[in-house]
C-alpha atoms as a PDB file:
ATOM      1  CA  MET A   1      43.542  10.442   5.690  1.00  0.00           C
ATOM      2  CA  SER A   2      46.810  11.205   3.850  1.00  0.00           C
ATOM      3  CA  ASP A   3      48.825   9.859   6.803  1.00  0.00           C
ATOM      4  CA  HIS A   4      47.497   6.362   6.200  1.00  0.00           C
ATOM      5  CA  LYS A   5      48.702   3.913   3.602  1.00  0.00           C
ATOM      6  CA  THR A   6      46.174   3.676   0.794  1.00  0.00           C
ATOM      7  CA  MET A   7      44.986   0.700  -1.222  1.00  0.00           C
ATOM      8  CA  THR A   8      43.902   0.247  -4.789  1.00  0.00           C
ATOM      9  CA  LEU A   9      41.339  -2.498  -5.338  1.00  0.00           C
ATOM     10  CA  THR A  10      39.586  -4.048  -8.307  1.00  0.00           C
ATOM     11  CA  LEU A  11      35.815  -4.370  -7.924  1.00  0.00           C
ATOM     12  CA  ILE A  12      33.772  -6.816 -10.001  1.00  0.00           C
ATOM     13  CA  VAL A  13      30.254  -5.466  -9.445  1.00  0.00           C
ATOM     14  CA  TRP A  14      26.891  -6.802 -10.613  1.00  0.00           C
ATOM     15  CA  ARG A  15      25.005  -4.144 -12.590  1.00  0.00           C
ATOM     16  CA  GLN A  16      21.349  -4.652 -13.530  1.00  0.00           C
ATOM     17  CA  LYS A  17      18.824  -2.016 -14.597  1.00  0.00           C
ATOM     18  CA  ASN A  18      15.725  -3.815 -13.313  1.00  0.00           C
ATOM     19  CA  ALA A  19      14.218  -7.233 -12.592  1.00  0.00           C
ATOM     20  CA  THR A  20      13.778  -8.085 -16.291  1.00  0.00           C
ATOM     21  CA  ASP A  21      17.208  -6.910 -17.444  1.00  0.00           C
ATOM     22  CA  PRO A  22      19.746  -9.780 -17.791  1.00  0.00           C
ATOM     23  CA  GLY A  23      22.414  -7.859 -15.891  1.00  0.00           C
ATOM     24  CA  LYS A  24      26.188  -8.358 -16.002  1.00  0.00           C
ATOM     25  CA  PHE A  25      29.393  -7.907 -14.029  1.00  0.00           C
ATOM     26  CA  GLU A  26      31.361  -4.722 -14.607  1.00  0.00           C
ATOM     27  CA  THR A  27      34.869  -3.871 -13.418  1.00  0.00           C
ATOM     28  CA  TYR A  28      35.785  -0.756 -11.430  1.00  0.00           C
ATOM     29  CA  THR A  29      38.861   0.510  -9.615  1.00  0.00           C
ATOM     30  CA  ALA A  30      38.680   1.738  -6.025  1.00  0.00           C
ATOM     31  CA  LYS A  31      41.535   4.189  -5.398  1.00  0.00           C
ATOM     32  CA  ASN A  32      42.929   5.862  -2.280  1.00  0.00           C
ATOM     33  CA  ILE A  33      41.114   3.505   0.100  1.00  0.00           C
ATOM     34  CA  THR A  34      42.437   3.237   3.654  1.00  0.00           C
ATOM     35  CA  GLU A  35      41.953   0.531   6.260  1.00  0.00           C
ATOM     36  CA  HIS A  36      39.689   2.930   8.131  1.00  0.00           C
ATOM     37  CA  HIS A  37      37.070   3.069   5.383  1.00  0.00           C
ATOM     38  CA  SER A  38      34.032   0.887   5.879  1.00  0.00           C
ATOM     39  CA  PHE A  39      32.976  -1.192   2.896  1.00  0.00           C
ATOM     40  CA  LEU A  40      30.092   1.168   2.139  1.00  0.00           C
ATOM     41  CA  GLU A  41      32.377   4.196   2.440  1.00  0.00           C
ATOM     42  CA  MET A  42      34.644   2.535  -0.101  1.00  0.00           C
ATOM     43  CA  LEU A  43      31.655   2.200  -2.455  1.00  0.00           C
ATOM     44  CA  ASP A  44      30.823   5.861  -1.793  1.00  0.00           C
ATOM     45  CA  CYS A  45      34.325   6.797  -2.993  1.00  0.00           C
ATOM     46  CA  VAL A  46      33.920   4.701  -6.136  1.00  0.00           C
ATOM     47  CA  ASN A  47      30.539   6.321  -6.821  1.00  0.00           C
ATOM     48  CA  GLU A  48      32.011   9.800  -6.455  1.00  0.00           C
ATOM     49  CA  ASP A  49      34.589   8.934  -9.103  1.00  0.00           C
ATOM     50  CA  LEU A  50      31.877   7.518 -11.381  1.00  0.00           C
ATOM     51  CA  ILE A  51      29.730  10.644 -10.997  1.00  0.00           C
ATOM     52  CA  HIS A  52      32.690  12.911 -11.742  1.00  0.00           C
ATOM     53  CA  ALA A  53      33.338  10.846 -14.867  1.00  0.00           C
ATOM     54  CA  GLY A  54      29.705  11.294 -15.953  1.00  0.00           C
ATOM     55  CA  LYS A  55      28.834   7.645 -15.357  1.00  0.00           C
ATOM     56  CA  GLU A  56      25.948   6.122 -13.428  1.00  0.00           C
ATOM     57  CA  PRO A  57      26.864   5.271  -9.817  1.00  0.00           C
ATOM     58  CA  ILE A  58      26.469   1.802  -8.333  1.00  0.00           C
ATOM     59  CA  VAL A  59      23.083   1.530  -6.631  1.00  0.00           C
ATOM     60  CA  PHE A  60      23.125  -0.137  -3.212  1.00  0.00           C
ATOM     61  CA  ASP A  61      20.937  -0.164  -0.118  1.00  0.00           C
ATOM     62  CA  HIS A  62      21.914   1.398   3.223  1.00  0.00           C
ATOM     63  CA  ASP A  63      20.445   3.341   6.111  1.00  0.00           C
ATOM     64  CA  CYS A  64      21.806   3.292   9.662  1.00  0.00           C
ATOM     65  CA  ARG A  65      25.364   2.133   8.827  1.00  0.00           C
ATOM     66  CA  GLU A  66      25.559   0.850  12.400  1.00  0.00           C
ATOM     67  CA  GLY A  67      24.690  -2.803  11.883  1.00  0.00           C
ATOM     68  CA  ILE A  68      21.104  -2.365  13.063  1.00  0.00           C
ATOM     69  CA  CYS A  69      18.755  -1.869  10.117  1.00  0.00           C
ATOM     70  CA  GLY A  70      19.810  -4.819   7.929  1.00  0.00           C
ATOM     71  CA  MET A  71      19.469  -2.901   4.668  1.00  0.00           C
ATOM     72  CA  CYS A  72      23.082  -3.175   3.430  1.00  0.00           C
ATOM     73  CA  SER A  73      22.447  -6.535   1.783  1.00  0.00           C
ATOM     74  CA  GLN A  74      25.326  -7.573  -0.476  1.00  0.00           C
ATOM     75  CA  VAL A  75      27.119 -10.807  -1.287  1.00  0.00           C
ATOM     76  CA  ILE A  76      30.854 -10.120  -1.100  1.00  0.00           C
ATOM     77  CA  ASN A  77      33.254 -12.697  -2.529  1.00  0.00           C
ATOM     78  CA  GLY A  78      30.465 -15.270  -2.425  1.00  0.00           C
ATOM     79  CA  ALA A  79      29.418 -14.700   1.195  1.00  0.00           C
ATOM     80  CA  PRO A  80      26.416 -12.672   2.437  1.00  0.00           C
ATOM     81  CA  HIS A  81      27.671  -9.539   4.234  1.00  0.00           C
ATOM     82  CA  GLY A  82      31.245 -10.592   3.408  1.00  0.00           C
ATOM     83  CA  GLY A  83      31.379 -13.676   5.608  1.00  0.00           C
ATOM     84  CA  GLN A  84      32.906 -12.043   8.692  1.00  0.00           C
ATOM     85  CA  ASP A  85      31.356 -13.402  11.898  1.00  0.00           C
ATOM     86  CA  ARG A  86      28.320 -11.381  13.051  1.00  0.00           C
ATOM     87  CA  THR A  87      29.112  -8.428  10.793  1.00  0.00           C
ATOM     88  CA  THR A  88      26.893  -6.512   8.380  1.00  0.00           C
ATOM     89  CA  VAL A  89      28.322  -4.927   5.219  1.00  0.00           C
ATOM     90  CA  CYS A  90      28.275  -1.469   6.796  1.00  0.00           C
ATOM     91  CA  GLN A  91      30.383  -2.740   9.701  1.00  0.00           C
ATOM     92  CA  LEU A  92      32.847  -4.553   7.435  1.00  0.00           C
ATOM     93  CA  HIS A  93      36.041  -2.487   7.235  1.00  0.00           C
ATOM     94  CA  MET A  94      38.648  -2.360   4.520  1.00  0.00           C
ATOM     95  CA  ARG A  95      41.370  -3.526   6.919  1.00  0.00           C
ATOM     96  CA  LYS A  96      40.030  -7.000   6.103  1.00  0.00           C
ATOM     97  CA  PHE A  97      41.351  -6.553   2.555  1.00  0.00           C
ATOM     98  CA  LYS A  98      44.790  -5.772   1.173  1.00  0.00           C
ATOM     99  CA  ASP A  99      46.181  -3.634  -1.608  1.00  0.00           C
ATOM    100  CA  GLY A 100      45.607  -5.186  -5.018  1.00  0.00           C
ATOM    101  CA  ASP A 101      42.705  -7.418  -3.972  1.00  0.00           C
ATOM    102  CA  THR A 102      39.893  -8.231  -6.370  1.00  0.00           C
ATOM    103  CA  ILE A 103      36.453  -8.106  -4.727  1.00  0.00           C
ATOM    104  CA  TYR A 104      33.276  -9.561  -6.207  1.00  0.00           C
ATOM    105  CA  ILE A 105      30.059  -7.779  -5.171  1.00  0.00           C
ATOM    106  CA  GLU A 106      26.583  -9.141  -5.927  1.00  0.00           C
ATOM    107  CA  PRO A 107      22.991  -8.677  -4.695  1.00  0.00           C
ATOM    108  CA  TRP A 108      21.055 -11.307  -2.737  1.00  0.00           C
ATOM    109  CA  ARG A 109      20.247 -14.191  -5.075  1.00  0.00           C
ATOM    110  CA  ALA A 110      16.832 -15.660  -4.264  1.00  0.00           C
ATOM    111  CA  ARG A 111      13.601 -16.294  -6.139  1.00  0.00           C
ATOM    112  CA  ALA A 112      11.636 -14.381  -3.501  1.00  0.00           C
ATOM    113  CA  PHE A 113      13.958 -11.338  -3.770  1.00  0.00           C
ATOM    114  CA  PRO A 114      13.660  -9.857  -7.295  1.00  0.00           C
ATOM    115  CA  ILE A 115      16.361  -7.348  -8.162  1.00  0.00           C
ATOM    116  CA  ILE A 116      15.242  -3.723  -8.212  1.00  0.00           C
ATOM    117  CA  LYS A 117      18.525  -2.316  -9.517  1.00  0.00           C
ATOM    118  CA  ASP A 118      22.197  -3.272  -9.246  1.00  0.00           C
ATOM    119  CA  LEU A 119      22.750  -4.405  -5.642  1.00  0.00           C
ATOM    120  CA  ILE A 120      19.237  -3.619  -4.343  1.00  0.00           C
ATOM    121  CA  VAL A 121      16.656  -6.378  -4.117  1.00  0.00           C
ATOM    122  CA  ASP A 122      12.982  -6.258  -3.170  1.00  0.00           C
ATOM    123  CA  ARG A 123      12.730  -7.870   0.277  1.00  0.00           C
ATOM    124  CA  ALA A 124       9.017  -7.146   0.674  1.00  0.00           C
ATOM    125  CA  ALA A 125       8.427 -10.905   0.933  1.00  0.00           C
ATOM    126  CA  LEU A 126       9.817 -10.786   4.473  1.00  0.00           C
ATOM    127  CA  ASP A 127       7.313  -8.038   5.300  1.00  0.00           C
ATOM    128  CA  LYS A 128       4.513 -10.225   3.960  1.00  0.00           C
ATOM    129  CA  ILE A 129       5.530 -13.002   6.365  1.00  0.00           C
ATOM    130  CA  ILE A 130       5.364 -10.560   9.283  1.00  0.00           C
ATOM    131  CA  GLN A 131       2.037  -9.174   8.082  1.00  0.00           C
ATOM    132  CA  ALA A 132       0.669 -12.714   8.021  1.00  0.00           C
ATOM    133  CA  GLY A 133       1.076 -13.131  11.772  1.00  0.00           C
ATOM    134  CA  GLY A 134       4.270 -11.750  13.263  1.00  0.00           C
ATOM    135  CA  TYR A 135       2.499  -9.617  15.844  1.00  0.00           C
ATOM    136  CA  THR A 136      -0.042  -9.744  18.679  1.00  0.00           C
ATOM    137  CA  SER A 137      -3.437  -8.252  17.864  1.00  0.00           C
ATOM    138  CA  CYS A 138      -5.397  -9.130  21.003  1.00  0.00           C
ATOM    139  CA  HIS A 139      -6.408  -6.298  23.340  1.00  0.00           C
ATOM    140  CA  THR A 140      -3.937  -6.086  26.209  1.00  0.00           C
ATOM    141  CA  GLY A 141      -5.162  -2.936  27.931  1.00  0.00           C
ATOM    142  CA  GLY A 142      -2.632  -0.414  29.187  1.00  0.00           C
ATOM    143  CA  VAL A 143       1.112  -0.941  29.103  1.00  0.00           C
ATOM    144  CA  PRO A 144       2.028  -3.074  32.155  1.00  0.00           C
ATOM    145  CA  ASP A 145       5.101  -2.543  34.304  1.00  0.00           C
ATOM    146  CA  GLY A 146       8.120  -4.533  33.210  1.00  0.00           C
ATOM    147  CA  ASN A 147       7.786  -6.917  36.120  1.00  0.00           C
ATOM    148  CA  ALA A 148       3.985  -7.257  36.023  1.00  0.00           C
ATOM    149  CA  ILE A 149       4.123 -10.500  34.016  1.00  0.00           C
ATOM    150  CA  MET A 150       6.529 -12.946  35.593  1.00  0.00           C
ATOM    151  CA  ILE A 151       8.676 -14.648  32.934  1.00  0.00           C
ATOM    152  CA  PRO A 152      11.544 -16.981  33.858  1.00  0.00           C
ATOM    153  CA  LYS A 153      14.896 -15.432  33.002  1.00  0.00           C
ATOM    154  CA  PRO A 154      15.999 -18.261  30.630  1.00  0.00           C
ATOM    155  CA  ILE A 155      12.754 -17.886  28.637  1.00  0.00           C
ATOM    156  CA  ALA A 156      13.105 -14.108  28.466  1.00  0.00           C
ATOM    157  CA  GLU A 157      16.697 -14.442  27.288  1.00  0.00           C
ATOM    158  CA  GLU A 158      15.792 -16.985  24.613  1.00  0.00           C
ATOM    159  CA  ALA A 159      12.988 -14.755  23.332  1.00  0.00           C
ATOM    160  CA  THR A 160      15.460 -11.870  23.192  1.00  0.00           C
ATOM    161  CA  ASP A 161      17.918 -14.038  21.247  1.00  0.00           C
ATOM    162  CA  ALA A 162      15.197 -14.713  18.664  1.00  0.00           C
ATOM    163  CA  ALA A 163      14.267 -11.023  18.545  1.00  0.00           C
ATOM    164  CA  GLU A 164      17.845 -10.128  17.519  1.00  0.00           C
ATOM    165  CA  CYS A 165      16.912 -10.936  13.910  1.00  0.00           C
ATOM    166  CA  ILE A 166      17.065  -7.687  11.906  1.00  0.00           C
ATOM    167  CA  GLY A 167      15.305  -9.066   8.824  1.00  0.00           C
ATOM    168  CA  CYS A 168      18.200  -8.442   6.455  1.00  0.00           C
ATOM    169  CA  GLY A 169      17.614 -11.612   4.432  1.00  0.00           C
ATOM    170  CA  ALA A 170      21.187 -12.918   4.655  1.00  0.00           C
ATOM    171  CA  CYS A 171      19.804 -16.292   5.758  1.00  0.00           C
ATOM    172  CA  VAL A 172      17.829 -16.492   2.511  1.00  0.00           C
ATOM    173  CA  ALA A 173      20.833 -15.428   0.427  1.00  0.00           C
ATOM    174  CA  GLY A 174      23.089 -17.958   2.159  1.00  0.00           C
ATOM    175  CA  CYS A 175      20.648 -20.862   1.866  1.00  0.00           C
ATOM    176  CA  PRO A 176      21.138 -22.983  -1.285  1.00  0.00           C
ATOM    177  CA  ASN A 177      17.343 -23.413  -1.349  1.00  0.00           C
ATOM    178  CA  GLY A 178      16.507 -19.745  -0.818  1.00  0.00           C
ATOM    179  CA  ALA A 179      14.586 -20.625   2.360  1.00  0.00           C
ATOM    180  CA  ALA A 180      13.310 -18.108   4.913  1.00  0.00           C
ATOM    181  CA  MET A 181      13.060 -20.654   7.710  1.00  0.00           C
ATOM    182  CA  LEU A 182      15.537 -18.938  10.053  1.00  0.00           C
ATOM    183  CA  PHE A 183      13.865 -15.551   9.666  1.00  0.00           C
ATOM    184  CA  THR A 184      10.374 -16.981  10.147  1.00  0.00           C
ATOM    185  CA  GLY A 185      11.534 -19.308  12.904  1.00  0.00           C
ATOM    186  CA  ALA A 186      12.981 -16.386  14.838  1.00  0.00           C
ATOM    187  CA  LYS A 187       9.843 -14.268  14.422  1.00  0.00           C
ATOM    188  CA  VAL A 188       7.541 -17.144  15.412  1.00  0.00           C
ATOM    189  CA  SER A 189       9.730 -18.113  18.364  1.00  0.00           C
ATOM    190  CA  GLN A 190      10.118 -14.682  19.938  1.00  0.00           C
ATOM    191  CA  LEU A 191       6.332 -14.544  20.368  1.00  0.00           C
ATOM    192  CA  ALA A 192       5.696 -18.243  21.026  1.00  0.00           C
ATOM    193  CA  LEU A 193       8.074 -18.138  24.011  1.00  0.00           C
ATOM    194  CA  LEU A 194       6.210 -15.313  25.755  1.00  0.00           C
ATOM    195  CA  PRO A 195       2.730 -15.368  27.317  1.00  0.00           C
ATOM    196  CA  GLN A 196       1.589 -12.400  25.234  1.00  0.00           C
ATOM    197  CA  GLY A 197       2.102 -14.422  22.067  1.00  0.00           C
ATOM    198  CA  LYS A 198       0.440 -17.673  23.081  1.00  0.00           C
ATOM    199  CA  ALA A 199      -3.147 -16.564  22.447  1.00  0.00           C
ATOM    200  CA  GLU A 200      -2.576 -16.433  18.678  1.00  0.00           C
ATOM    201  CA  ALA A 201       0.139 -19.098  18.474  1.00  0.00           C
ATOM    202  CA  VAL A 202      -1.865 -21.510  16.306  1.00  0.00           C
ATOM    203  CA  THR A 203      -3.018 -19.041  13.656  1.00  0.00           C
ATOM    204  CA  ARG A 204       0.346 -17.269  13.692  1.00  0.00           C
ATOM    205  CA  VAL A 205       2.496 -20.233  12.734  1.00  0.00           C
ATOM    206  CA  ARG A 206      -0.036 -21.458  10.185  1.00  0.00           C
ATOM    207  CA  ASN A 207      -0.336 -18.096   8.483  1.00  0.00           C
ATOM    208  CA  MET A 208       3.366 -17.250   8.518  1.00  0.00           C
ATOM    209  CA  THR A 209       4.469 -20.587   7.096  1.00  0.00           C
ATOM    210  CA  GLN A 210       1.793 -20.302   4.409  1.00  0.00           C
ATOM    211  CA  ALA A 211       3.069 -16.832   3.568  1.00  0.00           C
ATOM    212  CA  MET A 212       6.551 -18.296   3.135  1.00  0.00           C
ATOM    213  CA  ALA A 213       5.232 -20.749   0.574  1.00  0.00           C
ATOM    214  CA  ASP A 214       3.142 -18.116  -1.202  1.00  0.00           C
ATOM    215  CA  CYS A 215       6.135 -15.789  -1.549  1.00  0.00           C
ATOM    216  CA  GLY A 216       8.234 -18.451  -3.265  1.00  0.00           C
ATOM    217  CA  PHE A 217      10.809 -19.234  -0.599  1.00  0.00           C
ATOM    218  CA  GLY A 218      12.440 -22.664  -0.728  1.00  0.00           C
ATOM    219  CA  ASN A 219      12.456 -25.413   1.887  1.00  0.00           C
ATOM    220  CA  CYS A 220      14.971 -26.035   4.660  1.00  0.00           C
ATOM    221  CA  SER A 221      17.293 -29.006   4.151  1.00  0.00           C
ATOM    222  CA  ASN A 222      19.547 -28.409   7.187  1.00  0.00           C
ATOM    223  CA  HIS A 223      22.600 -26.904   5.480  1.00  0.00           C
ATOM    224  CA  TYR A 224      23.016 -24.452   8.399  1.00  0.00           C
ATOM    225  CA  GLU A 225      24.231 -21.789   5.955  1.00  0.00           C
ATOM    226  CA  CYS A 226      21.485 -19.525   7.317  1.00  0.00           C
ATOM    227  CA  GLN A 227      23.037 -19.470  10.784  1.00  0.00           C
ATOM    228  CA  ALA A 228      26.533 -19.043   9.340  1.00  0.00           C
ATOM    229  CA  SER A 229      25.360 -16.066   7.256  1.00  0.00           C
ATOM    230  CA  CYS A 230      23.337 -14.326   9.967  1.00  0.00           C
ATOM    231  CA  PRO A 231      25.042 -11.095  11.099  1.00  0.00           C
ATOM    232  CA  LYS A 232      23.340 -11.415  14.497  1.00  0.00           C
ATOM    233  CA  GLY A 233      24.117 -15.085  15.067  1.00  0.00           C
ATOM    234  CA  VAL A 234      20.487 -16.227  15.251  1.00  0.00           C
ATOM    235  CA  ASN A 235      20.560 -19.955  16.013  1.00  0.00           C
ATOM    236  CA  VAL A 236      18.915 -22.668  13.911  1.00  0.00           C
ATOM    237  CA  LYS A 237      17.273 -23.961  17.096  1.00  0.00           C
ATOM    238  CA  PHE A 238      14.513 -21.461  16.337  1.00  0.00           C
ATOM    239  CA  ILE A 239      13.698 -23.363  13.154  1.00  0.00           C
ATOM    240  CA  ALA A 240      13.172 -26.442  15.322  1.00  0.00           C
ATOM    241  CA  ARG A 241      10.942 -24.461  17.680  1.00  0.00           C
ATOM    242  CA  MET A 242       8.875 -23.186  14.762  1.00  0.00           C
ATOM    243  CA  ASN A 243       8.504 -26.757  13.492  1.00  0.00           C
ATOM    244  CA  ARG A 244       7.236 -27.829  16.917  1.00  0.00           C
ATOM    245  CA  GLU A 245       4.783 -24.937  16.947  1.00  0.00           C
ATOM    246  CA  PHE A 246       3.619 -25.929  13.463  1.00  0.00           C
ATOM    247  CA  ILE A 247       3.058 -29.560  14.454  1.00  0.00           C
ATOM    248  CA  LYS A 248       1.105 -28.474  17.557  1.00  0.00           C
ATOM    249  CA  ALA A 249      -1.002 -26.196  15.350  1.00  0.00           C
ATOM    250  CA  GLN A 250      -1.959 -29.131  13.118  1.00  0.00           C
ATOM    251  CA  LEU A 251      -3.189 -31.024  16.173  1.00  0.00           C
ATOM    252  CA  ASP A 252      -5.338 -28.114  17.274  1.00  0.00           C
ATOM    253  CA  TYR A 253      -8.830 -28.538  15.822  1.00  0.00           C
END
């Protein structure tokens, strides 16, 4: 590590004790950071310094650190996950910054995502949408061979594109309305496209959209910030597909 040029950065970090605390920005210095550090590793270094100084470390969410789990939810310089194309915070590296930079770090800002502490928000609302219908519950017998149900390749690929959603909530954080339409659209679409999901298509889209409303998410007004913020590049076309599914469900009596 000593062979690499190091950076010193100023961090303006949101600190908040709990959902009822007003919270505020606090300033920290990140020292001896190299271009090879990931963003979360940089925060680890800052936390080590805070702990050694007898201060409370910055609380943030993380798990896999491989861009898979979607837990590293942070708004960096005003952009969910830092704004780099198809990149989660854990896969954002410090080579994207330069010595002397000031970096603003905030949690997701959405009515449906109350802050737990500092940079961690409660994203259980997304789980409630899935619990409302994002699954197949009908008896399907044993596990069939992969080629037992013939599905056209374009349909299978589109369903896979929808299934890329990792449920991080960046679409909600990026949306000026705090909408969960891209998340829900992806989860509805991945099942609506496949034969296994058609049996419960009507109740699924009704229940999941109702869960969105119950959880306090906003409405979609076609800003496309959700797609721009998504670290997996999930397309807004899945919102349109969910809307079609919803309209068909209203016609089903």
